[in-house]
Amino acid sequence: MKIYSCCEKDSISKRFYCPECRSSEFAEKEVSDDGTVYSYTKIHIAPAEFADIAPYNVVLVDLDEANAKVTTRMEEDVEIGDKVTFDRLEKGAYIYKKVPERVQLH
């Protein structure tokens, strides 16, 4: 995932100017798509264009390698603190999925 940075603030979208210093110069860097569920809500009654996939979760993901959050959609149930990763882009939306818990071998 590409991140745009200025004044130690990261964003997943390139802005016209930095809200801190008003510069239009941004550093670009690639970061991992992995993150942690920061917040979520389950949509039961969706807008017409998404009615066929309801219910679904709208999830705010705190990215692991950036000081940024991304709004995503998830089909599976989540809890705050769950580890998630990017799955695909669908109709312009980031679709994330849970990271399977590792099997612990003794």
PDB file of N, CA and C in Angstrom:
ATOM      1  N   MET A   1       0.849  -1.162   0.000  1.00  0.00           N
ATOM      2  CA  MET A   1       0.000   0.000   0.000  1.00  0.00           C
ATOM      3  C   MET A   1       0.901   1.233   0.000  1.00  0.00           C
ATOM      4  N   LYS A   2       0.533   2.217  -0.790  1.00  0.00           N
ATOM      5  CA  LYS A   2       1.315   3.445  -0.862  1.00  0.00           C
ATOM      6  C   LYS A   2       0.795   4.443   0.173  1.00  0.00           C
ATOM      7  N   ILE A   3       1.741   5.062   0.886  1.00  0.00           N
ATOM      8  CA  ILE A   3       1.441   6.055   1.909  1.00  0.00           C
ATOM      9  C   ILE A   3       2.107   7.370   1.509  1.00  0.00           C
ATOM     10  N   TYR A   4       1.419   8.459   1.768  1.00  0.00           N
ATOM     11  CA  TYR A   4       1.941   9.800   1.496  1.00  0.00           C
ATOM     12  C   TYR A   4       2.156  10.495   2.832  1.00  0.00           C
ATOM     13  N   SER A   5       3.366  11.063   3.024  1.00  0.00           N
ATOM     14  CA  SER A   5       3.720  11.630   4.325  1.00  0.00           C
ATOM     15  C   SER A   5       4.227  13.058   4.216  1.00  0.00           C
ATOM     16  N   CYS A   6       3.882  13.839   5.233  1.00  0.00           N
ATOM     17  CA  CYS A   6       4.422  15.182   5.420  1.00  0.00           C
ATOM     18  C   CYS A   6       4.199  15.541   6.886  1.00  0.00           C
ATOM     19  N   CYS A   7       5.162  16.216   7.489  1.00  0.00           N
ATOM     20  CA  CYS A   7       5.047  16.657   8.890  1.00  0.00           C
ATOM     21  C   CYS A   7       4.722  15.493   9.828  1.00  0.00           C
ATOM     22  N   GLU A   8       5.304  14.338   9.561  1.00  0.00           N
ATOM     23  CA  GLU A   8       5.123  13.128  10.363  1.00  0.00           C
ATOM     24  C   GLU A   8       3.674  12.653  10.410  1.00  0.00           C
ATOM     25  N   LYS A   9       2.890  13.018   9.414  1.00  0.00           N
ATOM     26  CA  LYS A   9       1.506  12.555   9.285  1.00  0.00           C
ATOM     27  C   LYS A   9       1.407  11.747   8.000  1.00  0.00           C
ATOM     28  N   ASP A  10       0.778  10.585   8.088  1.00  0.00           N
ATOM     29  CA  ASP A  10       0.636   9.684   6.947  1.00  0.00           C
ATOM     30  C   ASP A  10      -0.809   9.644   6.485  1.00  0.00           C
ATOM     31  N   SER A  11      -0.980   9.408   5.192  1.00  0.00           N
ATOM     32  CA  SER A  11      -2.318   9.286   4.615  1.00  0.00           C
ATOM     33  C   SER A  11      -2.260   8.281   3.469  1.00  0.00           C
ATOM     34  N   ILE A  12      -3.367   7.562   3.239  1.00  0.00           N
ATOM     35  CA  ILE A  12      -3.407   6.642   2.105  1.00  0.00           C
ATOM     36  C   ILE A  12      -3.849   7.347   0.834  1.00  0.00           C
ATOM     37  N   SER A  13      -4.305   8.582   0.957  1.00  0.00           N
ATOM     38  CA  SER A  13      -4.686   9.345  -0.232  1.00  0.00           C
ATOM     39  C   SER A  13      -3.779  10.569  -0.341  1.00  0.00           C
ATOM     40  N   LYS A  14      -3.426  10.896  -1.571  1.00  0.00           N
ATOM     41  CA  LYS A  14      -2.569  12.047  -1.799  1.00  0.00           C
ATOM     42  C   LYS A  14      -3.430  13.302  -1.729  1.00  0.00           C
ATOM     43  N   ARG A  15      -3.074  14.170  -0.835  1.00  0.00           N
ATOM     44  CA  ARG A  15      -3.823  15.407  -0.639  1.00  0.00           C
ATOM     45  C   ARG A  15      -3.237  16.509  -1.519  1.00  0.00           C
ATOM     46  N   PHE A  16      -3.976  17.578  -1.646  1.00  0.00           N
ATOM     47  CA  PHE A  16      -3.491  18.717  -2.411  1.00  0.00           C
ATOM     48  C   PHE A  16      -2.439  19.489  -1.632  1.00  0.00           C
ATOM     49  N   TYR A  17      -2.573  19.501  -0.309  1.00  0.00           N
ATOM     50  CA  TYR A  17      -1.596  20.167   0.536  1.00  0.00           C
ATOM     51  C   TYR A  17      -1.631  19.556   1.941  1.00  0.00           C
ATOM     52  N   CYS A  18      -0.539  19.717   2.649  1.00  0.00           N
ATOM     53  CA  CYS A  18      -0.428  19.211   4.020  1.00  0.00           C
ATOM     54  C   CYS A  18      -1.258  20.100   4.946  1.00  0.00           C
ATOM     55  N   PRO A  19      -2.111  19.522   5.786  1.00  0.00           N
ATOM     56  CA  PRO A  19      -2.918  20.340   6.693  1.00  0.00           C
ATOM     57  C   PRO A  19      -2.073  21.026   7.781  1.00  0.00           C
ATOM     58  N   GLU A  20      -0.852  20.550   7.966  1.00  0.00           N
ATOM     59  CA  GLU A  20       0.025  21.108   8.995  1.00  0.00           C
ATOM     60  C   GLU A  20       0.833  22.303   8.469  1.00  0.00           C
ATOM     61  N   CYS A  21       1.558  22.104   7.343  1.00  0.00           N
ATOM     62  CA  CYS A  21       2.479  23.138   6.850  1.00  0.00           C
ATOM     63  C   CYS A  21       2.060  23.749   5.514  1.00  0.00           C
ATOM     64  N   ARG A  22       0.994  23.232   4.900  1.00  0.00           N
ATOM     65  CA  ARG A  22       0.447  23.706   3.616  1.00  0.00           C
ATOM     66  C   ARG A  22       1.331  23.379   2.413  1.00  0.00           C
ATOM     67  N   SER A  23       2.333  22.518   2.605  1.00  0.00           N
ATOM     68  CA  SER A  23       3.184  22.102   1.494  1.00  0.00           C
ATOM     69  C   SER A  23       2.413  21.172   0.568  1.00  0.00           C
ATOM     70  N   SER A  24       2.759  21.173  -0.705  1.00  0.00           N
ATOM     71  CA  SER A  24       2.154  20.227  -1.645  1.00  0.00           C
ATOM     72  C   SER A  24       3.137  19.109  -2.004  1.00  0.00           C
ATOM     73  N   GLU A  25       4.259  19.068  -1.293  1.00  0.00           N
ATOM     74  CA  GLU A  25       5.266  18.030  -1.500  1.00  0.00           C
ATOM     75  C   GLU A  25       5.081  16.930  -0.464  1.00  0.00           C
ATOM     76  N   PHE A  26       4.890  15.697  -0.929  1.00  0.00           N
ATOM     77  CA  PHE A  26       4.697  14.569  -0.037  1.00  0.00           C
ATOM     78  C   PHE A  26       5.723  13.488  -0.319  1.00  0.00           C
ATOM     79  N   ALA A  27       6.234  12.872   0.731  1.00  0.00           N
ATOM     80  CA  ALA A  27       7.102  11.708   0.575  1.00  0.00           C
ATOM     81  C   ALA A  27       6.199  10.504   0.352  1.00  0.00           C
ATOM     82  N   GLU A  28       6.554   9.674  -0.624  1.00  0.00           N
ATOM     83  CA  GLU A  28       5.789   8.453  -0.898  1.00  0.00           C
ATOM     84  C   GLU A  28       6.590   7.254  -0.431  1.00  0.00           C
ATOM     85  N   LYS A  29       5.894   6.293   0.182  1.00  0.00           N
ATOM     86  CA  LYS A  29       6.570   5.052   0.569  1.00  0.00           C
ATOM     87  C   LYS A  29       5.577   3.905   0.520  1.00  0.00           C
ATOM     88  N   GLU A  30       6.102   2.726   0.275  1.00  0.00           N
ATOM     89  CA  GLU A  30       5.297   1.507   0.289  1.00  0.00           C
ATOM     90  C   GLU A  30       5.362   0.916   1.700  1.00  0.00           C
ATOM     91  N   VAL A  31       4.197   0.529   2.209  1.00  0.00           N
ATOM     92  CA  VAL A  31       4.127  -0.110   3.523  1.00  0.00           C
ATOM     93  C   VAL A  31       3.297  -1.385   3.400  1.00  0.00           C
ATOM     94  N   SER A  32       3.388  -2.212   4.394  1.00  0.00           N
ATOM     95  CA  SER A  32       2.614  -3.448   4.449  1.00  0.00           C
ATOM     96  C   SER A  32       1.121  -3.124   4.495  1.00  0.00           C
ATOM     97  N   ASP A  33       0.312  -4.014   3.925  1.00  0.00           N
ATOM     98  CA  ASP A  33      -1.152  -3.882   3.967  1.00  0.00           C
ATOM     99  C   ASP A  33      -1.731  -4.371   5.292  1.00  0.00           C
ATOM    100  N   ASP A  34      -0.902  -4.941   6.143  1.00  0.00           N
ATOM    101  CA  ASP A  34      -1.362  -5.529   7.397  1.00  0.00           C
ATOM    102  C   ASP A  34      -1.707  -4.457   8.423  1.00  0.00           C
ATOM    103  N   GLY A  35      -2.656  -4.801   9.302  1.00  0.00           N
ATOM    104  CA  GLY A  35      -3.031  -3.862  10.346  1.00  0.00           C
ATOM    105  C   GLY A  35      -3.850  -4.526  11.429  1.00  0.00           C
ATOM    106  N   THR A  36      -4.405  -3.684  12.297  1.00  0.00           N
ATOM    107  CA  THR A  36      -5.189  -4.119  13.439  1.00  0.00           C
ATOM    108  C   THR A  36      -6.527  -3.398  13.414  1.00  0.00           C
ATOM    109  N   VAL A  37      -7.600  -4.119  13.715  1.00  0.00           N
ATOM    110  CA  VAL A  37      -8.927  -3.503  13.753  1.00  0.00           C
ATOM    111  C   VAL A  37      -8.949  -2.466  14.876  1.00  0.00           C
ATOM    112  N   TYR A  38      -9.204  -1.224  14.497  1.00  0.00           N
ATOM    113  CA  TYR A  38      -9.278  -0.110  15.438  1.00  0.00           C
ATOM    114  C   TYR A  38     -10.729   0.130  15.866  1.00  0.00           C
ATOM    115  N   SER A  39     -11.651  -0.005  14.899  1.00  0.00           N
ATOM    116  CA  SER A  39     -13.072   0.180  15.155  1.00  0.00           C
ATOM    117  C   SER A  39     -13.850  -0.488  14.022  1.00  0.00           C
ATOM    118  N   TYR A  40     -15.140  -0.743  14.246  1.00  0.00           N
ATOM    119  CA  TYR A  40     -15.951  -1.351  13.187  1.00  0.00           C
ATOM    120  C   TYR A  40     -17.428  -1.133  13.476  1.00  0.00           C
ATOM    121  N   THR A  41     -18.222  -1.301  12.445  1.00  0.00           N
ATOM    122  CA  THR A  41     -19.676  -1.308  12.585  1.00  0.00           C
ATOM    123  C   THR A  41     -20.235  -2.290  11.565  1.00  0.00           C
ATOM    124  N   LYS A  42     -21.299  -2.964  11.927  1.00  0.00           N
ATOM    125  CA  LYS A  42     -21.932  -3.917  11.012  1.00  0.00           C
ATOM    126  C   LYS A  42     -23.103  -3.224  10.318  1.00  0.00           C
ATOM    127  N   ILE A  43     -23.087  -3.275   8.993  1.00  0.00           N
ATOM    128  CA  ILE A  43     -24.144  -2.675   8.185  1.00  0.00           C
ATOM    129  C   ILE A  43     -25.171  -3.754   7.855  1.00  0.00           C
ATOM    130  N   HIS A  44     -26.394  -3.584   8.329  1.00  0.00           N
ATOM    131  CA  HIS A  44     -27.472  -4.530   8.050  1.00  0.00           C
ATOM    132  C   HIS A  44     -28.367  -4.033   6.921  1.00  0.00           C
ATOM    133  N   ILE A  45     -28.646  -2.740   6.920  1.00  0.00           N
ATOM    134  CA  ILE A  45     -29.461  -2.142   5.862  1.00  0.00           C
ATOM    135  C   ILE A  45     -28.531  -1.245   5.058  1.00  0.00           C
ATOM    136  N   ALA A  46     -28.106  -1.746   3.926  1.00  0.00           N
ATOM    137  CA  ALA A  46     -27.077  -1.091   3.119  1.00  0.00           C
ATOM    138  C   ALA A  46     -27.682  -0.204   2.044  1.00  0.00           C
ATOM    139  N   PRO A  47     -26.876   0.732   1.517  1.00  0.00           N
ATOM    140  CA  PRO A  47     -27.323   1.491   0.348  1.00  0.00           C
ATOM    141  C   PRO A  47     -27.640   0.526  -0.796  1.00  0.00           C
ATOM    142  N   ALA A  48     -28.465   0.946  -1.727  1.00  0.00           N
ATOM    143  CA  ALA A  48     -28.940   0.081  -2.816  1.00  0.00           C
ATOM    144  C   ALA A  48     -27.803  -0.639  -3.540  1.00  0.00           C
ATOM    145  N   GLU A  49     -26.691   0.049  -3.788  1.00  0.00           N
ATOM    146  CA  GLU A  49     -25.589  -0.569  -4.536  1.00  0.00           C
ATOM    147  C   GLU A  49     -24.884  -1.696  -3.778  1.00  0.00           C
ATOM    148  N   PHE A  50     -25.084  -1.762  -2.451  1.00  0.00           N
ATOM    149  CA  PHE A  50     -24.451  -2.809  -1.648  1.00  0.00           C
ATOM    150  C   PHE A  50     -25.464  -3.709  -0.950  1.00  0.00           C
ATOM    151  N   ALA A  51     -26.740  -3.560  -1.260  1.00  0.00           N
ATOM    152  CA  ALA A  51     -27.794  -4.338  -0.592  1.00  0.00           C
ATOM    153  C   ALA A  51     -27.603  -5.838  -0.770  1.00  0.00           C
ATOM    154  N   ASP A  52     -27.038  -6.235  -1.899  1.00  0.00           N
ATOM    155  CA  ASP A  52     -26.866  -7.668  -2.175  1.00  0.00           C
ATOM    156  C   ASP A  52     -25.793  -8.325  -1.320  1.00  0.00           C
ATOM    157  N   ILE A  53     -24.931  -7.536  -0.666  1.00  0.00           N
ATOM    158  CA  ILE A  53     -23.869  -8.144   0.148  1.00  0.00           C
ATOM    159  C   ILE A  53     -24.097  -7.956   1.652  1.00  0.00           C
ATOM    160  N   ALA A  54     -25.173  -7.255   2.029  1.00  0.00           N
ATOM    161  CA  ALA A  54     -25.452  -7.029   3.458  1.00  0.00           C
ATOM    162  C   ALA A  54     -25.852  -8.337   4.125  1.00  0.00           C
ATOM    163  N   PRO A  55     -25.542  -8.550   5.375  1.00  0.00           N
ATOM    164  CA  PRO A  55     -24.788  -7.653   6.234  1.00  0.00           C
ATOM    165  C   PRO A  55     -23.279  -7.773   5.988  1.00  0.00           C
ATOM    166  N   TYR A  56     -22.591  -6.670   6.216  1.00  0.00           N
ATOM    167  CA  TYR A  56     -21.135  -6.646   6.097  1.00  0.00           C
ATOM    168  C   TYR A  56     -20.590  -5.656   7.123  1.00  0.00           C
ATOM    169  N   ASN A  57     -19.296  -5.740   7.359  1.00  0.00           N
ATOM    170  CA  ASN A  57     -18.648  -4.874   8.344  1.00  0.00           C
ATOM    171  C   ASN A  57     -17.860  -3.773   7.648  1.00  0.00           C
ATOM    172  N   VAL A  58     -18.004  -2.556   8.131  1.00  0.00           N
ATOM    173  CA  VAL A  58     -17.140  -1.449   7.741  1.00  0.00           C
ATOM    174  C   VAL A  58     -16.146  -1.315   8.881  1.00  0.00           C
ATOM    175  N   VAL A  59     -14.858  -1.422   8.531  1.00  0.00           N
ATOM    176  CA  VAL A  59     -13.821  -1.558   9.541  1.00  0.00           C
ATOM    177  C   VAL A  59     -12.767  -0.470   9.366  1.00  0.00           C
ATOM    178  N   LEU A  60     -12.348   0.134  10.453  1.00  0.00           N
ATOM    179  CA  LEU A  60     -11.243   1.083  10.452  1.00  0.00           C
ATOM    180  C   LEU A  60     -10.008   0.317  10.893  1.00  0.00           C
ATOM    181  N   VAL A  61      -9.036   0.214   9.985  1.00  0.00           N
ATOM    182  CA  VAL A  61      -7.823  -0.565  10.233  1.00  0.00           C
ATOM    183  C   VAL A  61      -6.652   0.378  10.487  1.00  0.00           C
ATOM    184  N   ASP A  62      -5.973   0.179  11.605  1.00  0.00           N
ATOM    185  CA  ASP A  62      -4.759   0.913  11.952  1.00  0.00           C
ATOM    186  C   ASP A  62      -3.600   0.152  11.309  1.00  0.00           C
ATOM    187  N   LEU A  63      -2.958   0.756  10.302  1.00  0.00           N
ATOM    188  CA  LEU A  63      -1.889   0.067   9.571  1.00  0.00           C
ATOM    189  C   LEU A  63      -0.664  -0.144  10.457  1.00  0.00           C
ATOM    190  N   ASP A  64      -0.029  -1.306  10.307  1.00  0.00           N
ATOM    191  CA  ASP A  64       1.119  -1.670  11.138  1.00  0.00           C
ATOM    192  C   ASP A  64       2.348  -0.808  10.875  1.00  0.00           C
ATOM    193  N   GLU A  65       2.603  -0.459   9.616  1.00  0.00           N
ATOM    194  CA  GLU A  65       3.855   0.212   9.265  1.00  0.00           C
ATOM    195  C   GLU A  65       3.685   1.692   8.931  1.00  0.00           C
ATOM    196  N   ALA A  66       2.572   2.287   9.332  1.00  0.00           N
ATOM    197  CA  ALA A  66       2.343   3.704   9.053  1.00  0.00           C
ATOM    198  C   ALA A  66       1.487   4.303  10.153  1.00  0.00           C
ATOM    199  N   ASN A  67       1.573   5.594  10.273  1.00  0.00           N
ATOM    200  CA  ASN A  67       0.734   6.316  11.224  1.00  0.00           C
ATOM    201  C   ASN A  67      -0.545   6.725  10.490  1.00  0.00           C
ATOM    202  N   ALA A  68      -1.276   5.705  10.004  1.00  0.00           N
ATOM    203  CA  ALA A  68      -2.480   5.958   9.206  1.00  0.00           C
ATOM    204  C   ALA A  68      -3.493   4.852   9.437  1.00  0.00           C
ATOM    205  N   LYS A  69      -4.741   5.212   9.187  1.00  0.00           N
ATOM    206  CA  LYS A  69      -5.836   4.244   9.261  1.00  0.00           C
ATOM    207  C   LYS A  69      -6.525   4.207   7.906  1.00  0.00           C
ATOM    208  N   VAL A  70      -7.082   3.056   7.559  1.00  0.00           N
ATOM    209  CA  VAL A  70      -7.789   2.890   6.291  1.00  0.00           C
ATOM    210  C   VAL A  70      -9.170   2.307   6.587  1.00  0.00           C
ATOM    211  N   THR A  71     -10.179   2.855   5.914  1.00  0.00           N
ATOM    212  CA  THR A  71     -11.532   2.324   6.047  1.00  0.00           C
ATOM    213  C   THR A  71     -11.684   1.187   5.042  1.00  0.00           C
ATOM    214  N   THR A  72     -12.130   0.038   5.530  1.00  0.00           N
ATOM    215  CA  THR A  72     -12.224  -1.157   4.704  1.00  0.00           C
ATOM    216  C   THR A  72     -13.591  -1.807   4.875  1.00  0.00           C
ATOM    217  N   ARG A  73     -13.822  -2.799   4.042  1.00  0.00           N
ATOM    218  CA  ARG A  73     -15.024  -3.618   4.202  1.00  0.00           C
ATOM    219  C   ARG A  73     -14.568  -5.047   4.467  1.00  0.00           C
ATOM    220  N   MET A  74     -15.283  -5.720   5.359  1.00  0.00           N
ATOM    221  CA  MET A  74     -14.980  -7.119   5.662  1.00  0.00           C
ATOM    222  C   MET A  74     -16.270  -7.909   5.697  1.00  0.00           C
ATOM    223  N   GLU A  75     -16.218  -9.117   5.171  1.00  0.00           N
ATOM    224  CA  GLU A  75     -17.389  -9.982   5.139  1.00  0.00           C
ATOM    225  C   GLU A  75     -17.529 -10.786   6.422  1.00  0.00           C
ATOM    226  N   GLU A  76     -16.407 -11.036   7.088  1.00  0.00           N
ATOM    227  CA  GLU A  76     -16.448 -11.839   8.311  1.00  0.00           C
ATOM    228  C   GLU A  76     -16.542 -10.929   9.532  1.00  0.00           C
ATOM    229  N   ASP A  77     -17.032 -11.484  10.645  1.00  0.00           N
ATOM    230  CA  ASP A  77     -17.136 -10.718  11.878  1.00  0.00           C
ATOM    231  C   ASP A  77     -15.749 -10.473  12.457  1.00  0.00           C
ATOM    232  N   VAL A  78     -15.581  -9.311  13.072  1.00  0.00           N
ATOM    233  CA  VAL A  78     -14.296  -8.931  13.651  1.00  0.00           C
ATOM    234  C   VAL A  78     -14.511  -8.367  15.040  1.00  0.00           C
ATOM    235  N   GLU A  79     -13.423  -8.246  15.757  1.00  0.00           N
ATOM    236  CA  GLU A  79     -13.398  -7.609  17.066  1.00  0.00           C
ATOM    237  C   GLU A  79     -12.249  -6.607  17.060  1.00  0.00           C
ATOM    238  N   ILE A  80     -12.363  -5.578  17.888  1.00  0.00           N
ATOM    239  CA  ILE A  80     -11.264  -4.626  18.022  1.00  0.00           C
ATOM    240  C   ILE A  80     -10.024  -5.393  18.477  1.00  0.00           C
ATOM    241  N   GLY A  81      -8.906  -5.123  17.816  1.00  0.00           N
ATOM    242  CA  GLY A  81      -7.651  -5.798  18.131  1.00  0.00           C
ATOM    243  C   GLY A  81      -7.316  -6.954  17.208  1.00  0.00           C
ATOM    244  N   ASP A  82      -8.276  -7.413  16.388  1.00  0.00           N
ATOM    245  CA  ASP A  82      -7.992  -8.500  15.437  1.00  0.00           C
ATOM    246  C   ASP A  82      -6.956  -8.056  14.413  1.00  0.00           C
ATOM    247  N   LYS A  83      -6.052  -8.965  14.059  1.00  0.00           N
ATOM    248  CA  LYS A  83      -5.077  -8.717  13.004  1.00  0.00           C
ATOM    249  C   LYS A  83      -5.746  -8.998  11.659  1.00  0.00           C
ATOM    250  N   VAL A  84      -5.561  -8.084  10.703  1.00  0.00           N
ATOM    251  CA  VAL A  84      -6.183  -8.207   9.388  1.00  0.00           C
ATOM    252  C   VAL A  84      -5.174  -7.860   8.299  1.00  0.00           C
ATOM    253  N   THR A  85      -5.495  -8.265   7.062  1.00  0.00           N
ATOM    254  CA  THR A  85      -4.636  -7.961   5.929  1.00  0.00           C
ATOM    255  C   THR A  85      -5.487  -7.710   4.691  1.00  0.00           C
ATOM    256  N   PHE A  86      -4.922  -6.981   3.763  1.00  0.00           N
ATOM    257  CA  PHE A  86      -5.605  -6.657   2.513  1.00  0.00           C
ATOM    258  C   PHE A  86      -5.867  -7.935   1.727  1.00  0.00           C
ATOM    259  N   ASP A  87      -7.072  -8.061   1.181  1.00  0.00           N
ATOM    260  CA  ASP A  87      -7.446  -9.213   0.369  1.00  0.00           C
ATOM    261  C   ASP A  87      -7.570  -8.818  -1.096  1.00  0.00           C
ATOM    262  N   ARG A  88      -8.372  -7.747  -1.377  1.00  0.00           N
ATOM    263  CA  ARG A  88      -8.592  -7.345  -2.766  1.00  0.00           C
ATOM    264  C   ARG A  88      -9.248  -5.963  -2.802  1.00  0.00           C
ATOM    265  N   LEU A  89      -9.262  -5.397  -3.992  1.00  0.00           N
ATOM    266  CA  LEU A  89      -9.970  -4.150  -4.234  1.00  0.00           C
ATOM    267  C   LEU A  89     -11.227  -4.499  -5.011  1.00  0.00           C
ATOM    268  N   GLU A  90     -12.390  -4.044  -4.540  1.00  0.00           N
ATOM    269  CA  GLU A  90     -13.659  -4.394  -5.173  1.00  0.00           C
ATOM    270  C   GLU A  90     -14.554  -3.154  -5.234  1.00  0.00           C
ATOM    271  N   LYS A  91     -14.932  -2.756  -6.436  1.00  0.00           N
ATOM    272  CA  LYS A  91     -15.771  -1.558  -6.634  1.00  0.00           C
ATOM    273  C   LYS A  91     -15.180  -0.343  -5.938  1.00  0.00           C
ATOM    274  N   GLY A  92     -13.862  -0.218  -5.991  1.00  0.00           N
ATOM    275  CA  GLY A  92     -13.175   0.918  -5.389  1.00  0.00           C
ATOM    276  C   GLY A  92     -12.991   0.829  -3.884  1.00  0.00           C
ATOM    277  N   ALA A  93     -13.405  -0.273  -3.272  1.00  0.00           N
ATOM    278  CA  ALA A  93     -13.300  -0.426  -1.816  1.00  0.00           C
ATOM    279  C   ALA A  93     -12.193  -1.420  -1.462  1.00  0.00           C
ATOM    280  N   TYR A  94     -11.463  -1.106  -0.405  1.00  0.00           N
ATOM    281  CA  TYR A  94     -10.480  -2.044   0.123  1.00  0.00           C
ATOM    282  C   TYR A  94     -11.235  -3.141   0.863  1.00  0.00           C
ATOM    283  N   ILE A  95     -10.960  -4.393   0.513  1.00  0.00           N
ATOM    284  CA  ILE A  95     -11.551  -5.532   1.201  1.00  0.00           C
ATOM    285  C   ILE A  95     -10.432  -6.201   1.996  1.00  0.00           C
ATOM    286  N   TYR A  96     -10.643  -6.319   3.278  1.00  0.00           N
ATOM    287  CA  TYR A  96      -9.661  -6.949   4.161  1.00  0.00           C
ATOM    288  C   TYR A  96     -10.211  -8.266   4.678  1.00  0.00           C
ATOM    289  N   LYS A  97      -9.319  -9.098   5.200  1.00  0.00           N
ATOM    290  CA  LYS A  97      -9.712 -10.356   5.821  1.00  0.00           C
ATOM    291  C   LYS A  97      -8.859 -10.564   7.060  1.00  0.00           C
ATOM    292  N   LYS A  98      -9.370 -11.409   7.941  1.00  0.00           N
ATOM    293  CA  LYS A  98      -8.629 -11.728   9.163  1.00  0.00           C
ATOM    294  C   LYS A  98      -7.369 -12.500   8.823  1.00  0.00           C
ATOM    295  N   VAL A  99      -6.337 -12.269   9.609  1.00  0.00           N
ATOM    296  CA  VAL A  99      -5.117 -13.058   9.510  1.00  0.00           C
ATOM    297  C   VAL A  99      -5.340 -14.288  10.370  1.00  0.00           C
ATOM    298  N   PRO A 100      -5.207 -15.487   9.791  1.00  0.00           N
ATOM    299  CA  PRO A 100      -5.425 -16.689  10.603  1.00  0.00           C
ATOM    300  C   PRO A 100      -4.429 -16.755  11.762  1.00  0.00           C
ATOM    301  N   GLU A 101      -4.927 -17.170  12.907  1.00  0.00           N
ATOM    302  CA  GLU A 101      -4.034 -17.327  14.053  1.00  0.00           C
ATOM    303  C   GLU A 101      -3.081 -18.458  13.767  1.00  0.00           C
ATOM    304  N   ARG A 102      -1.840 -18.253  14.150  1.00  0.00           N
ATOM    305  CA  ARG A 102      -0.840 -19.290  13.904  1.00  0.00           C
ATOM    306  C   ARG A 102      -1.061 -20.479  14.815  1.00  0.00           C
ATOM    307  N   VAL A 103      -0.866 -21.647  14.253  1.00  0.00           N
ATOM    308  CA  VAL A 103      -0.973 -22.871  15.042  1.00  0.00           C
ATOM    309  C   VAL A 103       0.313 -23.000  15.850  1.00  0.00           C
ATOM    310  N   GLN A 104       0.196 -23.135  17.140  1.00  0.00           N
ATOM    311  CA  GLN A 104       1.364 -23.233  18.005  1.00  0.00           C
ATOM    312  C   GLN A 104       1.771 -24.689  18.132  1.00  0.00           C
ATOM    313  N   LEU A 105       2.994 -24.963  17.769  1.00  0.00           N
ATOM    314  CA  LEU A 105       3.553 -26.310  17.903  1.00  0.00           C
ATOM    315  C   LEU A 105       4.358 -26.383  19.185  1.00  0.00           C
ATOM    316  N   HIS A 106       4.196 -27.481  19.914  1.00  0.00           N
ATOM    317  CA  HIS A 106       4.925 -27.616  21.176  1.00  0.00           C
ATOM    318  C   HIS A 106       6.080 -28.550  21.019  1.00  0.00           C
TER     319      HIS A 106
END
